[in-house]
């Protein structure tokens, strides 16, 4: 398994005082360096995380999950870490699943390993599950391969590879953008099964607002060019009416 000293943990947080202490203490049993990015919280998330043993970086105002991840991953890279695990601050990810992600990278050499919740998807609230699966279908179609859980925030990321990518989103669409960027750079991606922990309180995700933002991002992607079409000599092109009448049924 990857050496724990080579891997940081990055936890983006916004008002997670109810869960952050337990989470940080549990993660530190697996990986000693935990970096909490407090994304403009109005509660005592930052002080509780620090008391539990985390290094805390604060945003003065809420900038979004993508921005918080960028802050945390950049800090981990500057401190000399080769890898970083990201997980959500609300306690939905089980720290005991961390070794599965580390083994996945060590055994395959893959530079992005994602925790897949879909084997236990019934524990995810119905609306959120439907939205996640719809997004995963869209991204799978674009990638040309099955991507079972594109919205999972529980990931193991090779930091220098991540830093070489061009990523721009600052909100929840960051998971999708990162995944496609790794694939576009011809890096393989692995999914490993993880458990799902039911939330004890509502998510910070806003289904309508965040889904619309994701859709706007999706529609703005540069579409891949169409493959070249060989046209036989004397045969009308597909744009011509004669072709449509003769060959399209």
Foldseek 3Di string as FASTA:
>chain_A
DDDLVQEEEEEEDAQQVVFQLVVLLQLCVPHVAYEYEHQCHPDCNQVSNVVSPYHYHYDVHHFAPQVSVVVRLVVCVVVPHQKYWYAYRQPFFDSVCVVVQVVVCVVPVFFKEFAAAVVVLVLPPPVVSVLQQVVQVVLCVQLVHHDRGQQHRGMMHRRVVQVPFDDDDGYSLRSVRSVVRCVVVVTDYHYDYGHTDHGPDDDPDDVPVVSVVNVVVVVPDDRDDDDDDDDDPPHDDPVDPVCCVPPPD
